[in-house]
Amino acid sequence: MALMVLLRHGQSVWNATNRFTGWTDVDLSEIGEQEAGRAGNELADIAFDVVYTSDLIRAQRTAEIAMALNTTSNNPPTVKDWRLNERNYGDLQGLDKDETRAKFGAEQVHIWRRSYDVPPPGGESLETCAERTIPCLEELIIPDLESGKTILVAAHGNSLRSIVMHIEGLTREEVLSLEIPTGIPRSYDYQDGKFTRLD
């Protein structure tokens, strides 16, 4: 039996100011640091063998804070892979979400944020995000699980949504309502090639 824990980074400074973040490399807010600490306390008794993070500091810091509170892991390696980055929001990155709704209309912004295959201007859809996250899962993470390792994946709302969609077999419609909250671990048992949700 192997274990994979998915963890969305804690609140970032741009989450706190209601901005589209995407690939912009912003750090955690004070609340985000607290969320990462709570996740670390919740995961403290799990002996992780490998930690995977995106290339972005908010995911890396979340993993660092959580692992600093871990009482059973023996300094596991951290693998950083850009394919776990948040969905690229293109021209929307850095914009205030309320102002963007006022400019383009709430319905259009909702489509950009929540549709499966409609990207924002200059950015990625969830579908194109999945085209990089799923190969990362299959090429790096699943082989570690196959060898019985316990894995922590600290990443982002949309990169994790695409992974959850894949491993839980969600439809395009079902994934639209899937929320991955900041700083809340989501755990899966992996056995015989199948993932089973534990929490």
C-alpha atoms as a PDB file:
ATOM      1  CA  MET A   1       0.000   0.000   0.000  1.00  0.00           C
ATOM      2  CA  ALA A   2       1.201   3.511  -0.853  1.00  0.00           C
ATOM      3  CA  LEU A   3      -0.150   6.928   0.111  1.00  0.00           C
ATOM      4  CA  MET A   4      -0.419  10.193  -1.827  1.00  0.00           C
ATOM      5  CA  VAL A   5      -1.403  13.420  -0.078  1.00  0.00           C
ATOM      6  CA  LEU A   6      -2.385  16.412  -2.202  1.00  0.00           C
ATOM      7  CA  LEU A   7      -2.047  19.827  -0.572  1.00  0.00           C
ATOM      8  CA  ARG A   8      -3.012  23.125  -2.146  1.00  0.00           C
ATOM      9  CA  HIS A   9      -0.720  25.911  -1.002  1.00  0.00           C
ATOM     10  CA  GLY A  10      -1.880  28.212   1.772  1.00  0.00           C
ATOM     11  CA  GLN A  11      -3.419  31.571   0.959  1.00  0.00           C
ATOM     12  CA  SER A  12      -1.044  33.723  -1.103  1.00  0.00           C
ATOM     13  CA  VAL A  13      -0.679  37.476  -0.869  1.00  0.00           C
ATOM     14  CA  TRP A  14      -2.581  37.785  -4.156  1.00  0.00           C
ATOM     15  CA  ASN A  15      -5.329  35.392  -3.000  1.00  0.00           C
ATOM     16  CA  ALA A  16      -5.728  37.792  -0.083  1.00  0.00           C
ATOM     17  CA  THR A  17      -6.146  40.793  -2.416  1.00  0.00           C
ATOM     18  CA  ASN A  18      -8.518  38.957  -4.813  1.00  0.00           C
ATOM     19  CA  ARG A  19      -6.130  38.912  -7.775  1.00  0.00           C
ATOM     20  CA  PHE A  20      -5.644  36.328 -10.512  1.00  0.00           C
ATOM     21  CA  THR A  21      -2.277  34.795  -9.728  1.00  0.00           C
ATOM     22  CA  GLY A  22      -1.519  31.972 -12.159  1.00  0.00           C
ATOM     23  CA  TRP A  23       2.207  31.749 -12.838  1.00  0.00           C
ATOM     24  CA  THR A  24       3.033  35.002 -11.019  1.00  0.00           C
ATOM     25  CA  ASP A  25       5.455  33.969  -8.275  1.00  0.00           C
ATOM     26  CA  VAL A  26       3.992  35.492  -5.123  1.00  0.00           C
ATOM     27  CA  ASP A  27       4.591  34.300  -1.567  1.00  0.00           C
ATOM     28  CA  LEU A  28       2.200  33.156   1.140  1.00  0.00           C
ATOM     29  CA  SER A  29       0.262  35.626   3.227  1.00  0.00           C
ATOM     30  CA  GLU A  30       0.387  35.398   7.016  1.00  0.00           C
ATOM     31  CA  ILE A  31      -2.880  33.457   6.881  1.00  0.00           C
ATOM     32  CA  GLY A  32      -1.338  31.168   4.253  1.00  0.00           C
ATOM     33  CA  GLU A  33       1.597  30.423   6.562  1.00  0.00           C
ATOM     34  CA  GLN A  34      -0.864  29.537   9.326  1.00  0.00           C
ATOM     35  CA  GLU A  35      -2.797  27.255   6.945  1.00  0.00           C
ATOM     36  CA  ALA A  36       0.429  25.496   5.965  1.00  0.00           C
ATOM     37  CA  GLY A  37       1.245  25.064   9.649  1.00  0.00           C
ATOM     38  CA  ARG A  38      -2.165  23.519  10.386  1.00  0.00           C
ATOM     39  CA  ALA A  39      -1.677  21.124   7.472  1.00  0.00           C
ATOM     40  CA  GLY A  40       1.761  20.268   8.826  1.00  0.00           C
ATOM     41  CA  ASN A  41       0.311  19.451  12.233  1.00  0.00           C
ATOM     42  CA  GLU A  42      -2.335  17.260  10.605  1.00  0.00           C
ATOM     43  CA  LEU A  43       0.326  15.402   8.592  1.00  0.00           C
ATOM     44  CA  ALA A  44       2.987  15.299  11.317  1.00  0.00           C
ATOM     45  CA  ASP A  45       2.736  11.548  11.936  1.00  0.00           C
ATOM     46  CA  ILE A  46       3.027  10.525   8.271  1.00  0.00           C
ATOM     47  CA  ALA A  47       6.484   9.390   7.164  1.00  0.00           C
ATOM     48  CA  PHE A  48       6.830  10.932   3.712  1.00  0.00           C
ATOM     49  CA  ASP A  49       9.448   9.535   1.336  1.00  0.00           C
ATOM     50  CA  VAL A  50       9.273  12.234  -1.350  1.00  0.00           C
ATOM     51  CA  VAL A  51       7.796  15.737  -1.588  1.00  0.00           C
ATOM     52  CA  TYR A  52       6.710  17.128  -4.961  1.00  0.00           C
ATOM     53  CA  THR A  53       6.077  20.841  -5.491  1.00  0.00           C
ATOM     54  CA  SER A  54       5.598  23.227  -8.383  1.00  0.00           C
ATOM     55  CA  ASP A  55       8.187  25.805  -9.418  1.00  0.00           C
ATOM     56  CA  LEU A  56       6.260  28.520  -7.571  1.00  0.00           C
ATOM     57  CA  ILE A  57       7.271  29.811  -4.136  1.00  0.00           C
ATOM     58  CA  ARG A  58       3.805  29.600  -2.554  1.00  0.00           C
ATOM     59  CA  ALA A  59       3.698  25.829  -3.083  1.00  0.00           C
ATOM     60  CA  GLN A  60       7.321  25.359  -2.052  1.00  0.00           C
ATOM     61  CA  ARG A  61       6.875  27.398   1.137  1.00  0.00           C
ATOM     62  CA  THR A  62       3.717  25.463   2.007  1.00  0.00           C
ATOM     63  CA  ALA A  63       5.651  22.194   1.712  1.00  0.00           C
ATOM     64  CA  GLU A  64       8.573  23.598   3.734  1.00  0.00           C
ATOM     65  CA  ILE A  65       6.359  24.815   6.574  1.00  0.00           C
ATOM     66  CA  ALA A  66       4.363  21.587   6.660  1.00  0.00           C
ATOM     67  CA  MET A  67       7.441  19.359   6.586  1.00  0.00           C
ATOM     68  CA  ALA A  68       9.192  21.400   9.287  1.00  0.00           C
ATOM     69  CA  LEU A  69       6.438  20.190  11.639  1.00  0.00           C
ATOM     70  CA  ASN A  70       6.695  16.567  10.539  1.00  0.00           C
ATOM     71  CA  THR A  71       7.896  14.335  13.343  1.00  0.00           C
ATOM     72  CA  THR A  72       8.341  11.068  11.435  1.00  0.00           C
ATOM     73  CA  SER A  73       9.889  11.811   8.021  1.00  0.00           C
ATOM     74  CA  ASN A  74      13.648  11.551   7.630  1.00  0.00           C
ATOM     75  CA  ASN A  75      14.388  14.693   5.581  1.00  0.00           C
ATOM     76  CA  PRO A  76      12.796  13.434   2.328  1.00  0.00           C
ATOM     77  CA  PRO A  77      13.947  14.885  -1.008  1.00  0.00           C
ATOM     78  CA  THR A  78      11.866  17.634  -2.636  1.00  0.00           C
ATOM     79  CA  VAL A  79      11.281  17.409  -6.373  1.00  0.00           C
ATOM     80  CA  LYS A  80      10.268  20.684  -8.059  1.00  0.00           C
ATOM     81  CA  ASP A  81       8.493  20.380 -11.401  1.00  0.00           C
ATOM     82  CA  TRP A  82       7.007  23.258 -13.414  1.00  0.00           C
ATOM     83  CA  ARG A  83       4.296  20.921 -14.702  1.00  0.00           C
ATOM     84  CA  LEU A  84       2.654  21.168 -11.265  1.00  0.00           C
ATOM     85  CA  ASN A  85       2.380  24.971 -11.598  1.00  0.00           C
ATOM     86  CA  GLU A  86      -0.975  26.677 -11.326  1.00  0.00           C
ATOM     87  CA  ARG A  87      -2.992  27.168 -14.496  1.00  0.00           C
ATOM     88  CA  ASN A  88      -1.591  30.103 -16.456  1.00  0.00           C
ATOM     89  CA  TYR A  89      -4.203  32.870 -16.381  1.00  0.00           C
ATOM     90  CA  GLY A  90      -2.513  34.768 -19.212  1.00  0.00           C
ATOM     91  CA  ASP A  91      -3.721  38.342 -19.624  1.00  0.00           C
ATOM     92  CA  LEU A  92      -5.779  38.123 -16.414  1.00  0.00           C
ATOM     93  CA  GLN A  93      -2.754  37.589 -14.142  1.00  0.00           C
ATOM     94  CA  GLY A  94      -2.427  40.404 -11.639  1.00  0.00           C
ATOM     95  CA  LEU A  95      -5.926  41.758 -12.283  1.00  0.00           C
ATOM     96  CA  ASP A  96      -8.457  42.247  -9.510  1.00  0.00           C
ATOM     97  CA  LYS A  97     -11.218  39.640  -9.960  1.00  0.00           C
ATOM     98  CA  ASP A  98     -14.067  42.059  -9.226  1.00  0.00           C
ATOM     99  CA  GLU A  99     -12.685  44.653 -11.650  1.00  0.00           C
ATOM    100  CA  THR A 100     -12.263  41.930 -14.274  1.00  0.00           C
ATOM    101  CA  ARG A 101     -15.921  40.939 -13.852  1.00  0.00           C
ATOM    102  CA  ALA A 102     -16.948  44.574 -14.252  1.00  0.00           C
ATOM    103  CA  LYS A 103     -14.899  44.878 -17.441  1.00  0.00           C
ATOM    104  CA  PHE A 104     -15.710  41.577 -19.176  1.00  0.00           C
ATOM    105  CA  GLY A 105     -18.938  40.547 -17.436  1.00  0.00           C
ATOM    106  CA  ALA A 106     -19.401  38.049 -14.616  1.00  0.00           C
ATOM    107  CA  GLU A 107     -20.559  35.288 -16.974  1.00  0.00           C
ATOM    108  CA  GLN A 108     -17.479  35.536 -19.209  1.00  0.00           C
ATOM    109  CA  VAL A 109     -15.104  35.534 -16.228  1.00  0.00           C
ATOM    110  CA  HIS A 110     -16.937  32.525 -14.779  1.00  0.00           C
ATOM    111  CA  ILE A 111     -16.451  30.690 -18.095  1.00  0.00           C
ATOM    112  CA  TRP A 112     -12.731  31.485 -18.091  1.00  0.00           C
ATOM    113  CA  ARG A 113     -12.374  30.349 -14.481  1.00  0.00           C
ATOM    114  CA  ARG A 114     -14.595  27.281 -14.431  1.00  0.00           C
ATOM    115  CA  SER A 115     -15.047  25.864 -17.918  1.00  0.00           C
ATOM    116  CA  TYR A 116     -12.963  22.839 -18.844  1.00  0.00           C
ATOM    117  CA  ASP A 117     -11.720  23.865 -22.272  1.00  0.00           C
ATOM    118  CA  VAL A 118     -12.095  27.668 -22.623  1.00  0.00           C
ATOM    119  CA  PRO A 119      -8.858  29.492 -21.732  1.00  0.00           C
ATOM    120  CA  PRO A 120      -8.637  33.128 -20.628  1.00  0.00           C
ATOM    121  CA  PRO A 121      -6.911  35.409 -23.146  1.00  0.00           C
ATOM    122  CA  GLY A 122      -3.277  34.315 -23.486  1.00  0.00           C
ATOM    123  CA  GLY A 123      -3.669  31.603 -20.830  1.00  0.00           C
ATOM    124  CA  GLU A 124      -4.490  27.952 -20.230  1.00  0.00           C
ATOM    125  CA  SER A 125      -7.766  26.100 -19.849  1.00  0.00           C
ATOM    126  CA  LEU A 126      -8.063  23.311 -17.297  1.00  0.00           C
ATOM    127  CA  GLU A 127      -7.761  20.922 -20.244  1.00  0.00           C
ATOM    128  CA  THR A 128      -4.375  22.315 -21.305  1.00  0.00           C
ATOM    129  CA  CYS A 129      -3.257  22.431 -17.668  1.00  0.00           C
ATOM    130  CA  ALA A 130      -4.037  18.700 -17.442  1.00  0.00           C
ATOM    131  CA  GLU A 131      -1.895  18.066 -20.518  1.00  0.00           C
ATOM    132  CA  ARG A 132       1.160  18.795 -18.353  1.00  0.00           C
ATOM    133  CA  THR A 133       0.047  17.718 -14.874  1.00  0.00           C
ATOM    134  CA  ILE A 134      -1.072  14.210 -15.865  1.00  0.00           C
ATOM    135  CA  PRO A 135       2.264  13.325 -17.548  1.00  0.00           C
ATOM    136  CA  CYS A 136       4.014  14.550 -14.380  1.00  0.00           C
ATOM    137  CA  LEU A 137       1.754  12.290 -12.312  1.00  0.00           C
ATOM    138  CA  GLU A 138       2.323   9.306 -14.586  1.00  0.00           C
ATOM    139  CA  GLU A 139       6.056   9.766 -15.190  1.00  0.00           C
ATOM    140  CA  LEU A 140       7.226  10.736 -11.691  1.00  0.00           C
ATOM    141  CA  ILE A 141       4.653  10.291  -8.946  1.00  0.00           C
ATOM    142  CA  ILE A 142       2.962   7.005  -9.847  1.00  0.00           C
ATOM    143  CA  PRO A 143       6.307   5.144 -10.210  1.00  0.00           C
ATOM    144  CA  ASP A 144       7.151   6.272  -6.660  1.00  0.00           C
ATOM    145  CA  LEU A 145       3.761   5.022  -5.481  1.00  0.00           C
ATOM    146  CA  GLU A 146       4.275   1.735  -7.317  1.00  0.00           C
ATOM    147  CA  SER A 147       7.430   1.245  -5.270  1.00  0.00           C
ATOM    148  CA  GLY A 148       5.440   1.749  -2.051  1.00  0.00           C
ATOM    149  CA  LYS A 149       6.505   5.304  -1.261  1.00  0.00           C
ATOM    150  CA  THR A 150       4.460   7.867   0.652  1.00  0.00           C
ATOM    151  CA  ILE A 151       4.180  11.096  -1.332  1.00  0.00           C
ATOM    152  CA  LEU A 152       3.252  14.709  -0.554  1.00  0.00           C
ATOM    153  CA  VAL A 153       2.273  16.862  -3.544  1.00  0.00           C
ATOM    154  CA  ALA A 154       2.113  20.580  -2.706  1.00  0.00           C
ATOM    155  CA  ALA A 155       0.669  22.442  -5.658  1.00  0.00           C
ATOM    156  CA  HIS A 156      -2.236  24.659  -6.733  1.00  0.00           C
ATOM    157  CA  GLY A 157      -6.002  24.734  -7.053  1.00  0.00           C
ATOM    158  CA  ASN A 158      -6.202  24.019 -10.771  1.00  0.00           C
ATOM    159  CA  SER A 159      -3.185  21.761 -11.144  1.00  0.00           C
ATOM    160  CA  LEU A 160      -4.591  19.629  -8.321  1.00  0.00           C
ATOM    161  CA  ARG A 161      -8.134  19.779  -9.783  1.00  0.00           C
ATOM    162  CA  SER A 162      -6.798  18.304 -13.014  1.00  0.00           C
ATOM    163  CA  ILE A 163      -5.050  15.496 -11.112  1.00  0.00           C
ATOM    164  CA  VAL A 164      -8.151  14.762  -8.997  1.00  0.00           C
ATOM    165  CA  MET A 165     -10.284  14.713 -12.145  1.00  0.00           C
ATOM    166  CA  HIS A 166      -7.941  12.116 -13.635  1.00  0.00           C
ATOM    167  CA  ILE A 167      -7.562   9.820 -10.645  1.00  0.00           C
ATOM    168  CA  GLU A 168     -11.221   9.978  -9.551  1.00  0.00           C
ATOM    169  CA  GLY A 169     -12.560   9.687 -13.093  1.00  0.00           C
ATOM    170  CA  LEU A 170     -14.607  12.901 -12.886  1.00  0.00           C
ATOM    171  CA  THR A 171     -16.446  14.130 -15.961  1.00  0.00           C
ATOM    172  CA  ARG A 172     -15.911  17.571 -17.487  1.00  0.00           C
ATOM    173  CA  GLU A 173     -19.134  18.656 -15.795  1.00  0.00           C
ATOM    174  CA  GLU A 174     -18.262  17.192 -12.387  1.00  0.00           C
ATOM    175  CA  VAL A 175     -14.840  18.851 -12.233  1.00  0.00           C
ATOM    176  CA  LEU A 176     -16.395  22.297 -12.668  1.00  0.00           C
ATOM    177  CA  SER A 177     -17.859  22.169  -9.159  1.00  0.00           C
ATOM    178  CA  LEU A 178     -14.742  20.660  -7.569  1.00  0.00           C
ATOM    179  CA  GLU A 179     -13.145  23.008  -5.038  1.00  0.00           C
ATOM    180  CA  ILE A 180      -9.672  22.376  -3.628  1.00  0.00           C
ATOM    181  CA  PRO A 181      -9.424  24.578  -0.518  1.00  0.00           C
ATOM    182  CA  THR A 182      -6.129  26.130   0.549  1.00  0.00           C
ATOM    183  CA  GLY A 183      -4.133  24.261   3.174  1.00  0.00           C
ATOM    184  CA  ILE A 184      -6.440  21.217   3.508  1.00  0.00           C
ATOM    185  CA  PRO A 185      -4.771  17.834   2.831  1.00  0.00           C
ATOM    186  CA  ARG A 186      -6.568  15.409   0.478  1.00  0.00           C
ATOM    187  CA  SER A 187      -5.317  11.821   0.843  1.00  0.00           C
ATOM    188  CA  TYR A 188      -5.415   8.763  -1.410  1.00  0.00           C
ATOM    189  CA  ASP A 189      -4.452   5.157  -0.953  1.00  0.00           C
ATOM    190  CA  TYR A 190      -2.748   3.714  -4.035  1.00  0.00           C
ATOM    191  CA  GLN A 191      -2.917  -0.008  -4.604  1.00  0.00           C
ATOM    192  CA  ASP A 192      -2.989  -2.233  -7.692  1.00  0.00           C
ATOM    193  CA  GLY A 193      -2.982   0.791  -9.982  1.00  0.00           C
ATOM    194  CA  LYS A 194      -6.003   2.410  -8.369  1.00  0.00           C
ATOM    195  CA  PHE A 195      -6.480   5.478  -6.169  1.00  0.00           C
ATOM    196  CA  THR A 196      -8.971   5.414  -3.272  1.00  0.00           C
ATOM    197  CA  ARG A 197      -9.885   8.631  -1.451  1.00  0.00           C
ATOM    198  CA  LEU A 198      -9.255   8.383   2.297  1.00  0.00           C
ATOM    199  CA  ASP A 199     -10.605  11.664   3.696  1.00  0.00           C
END
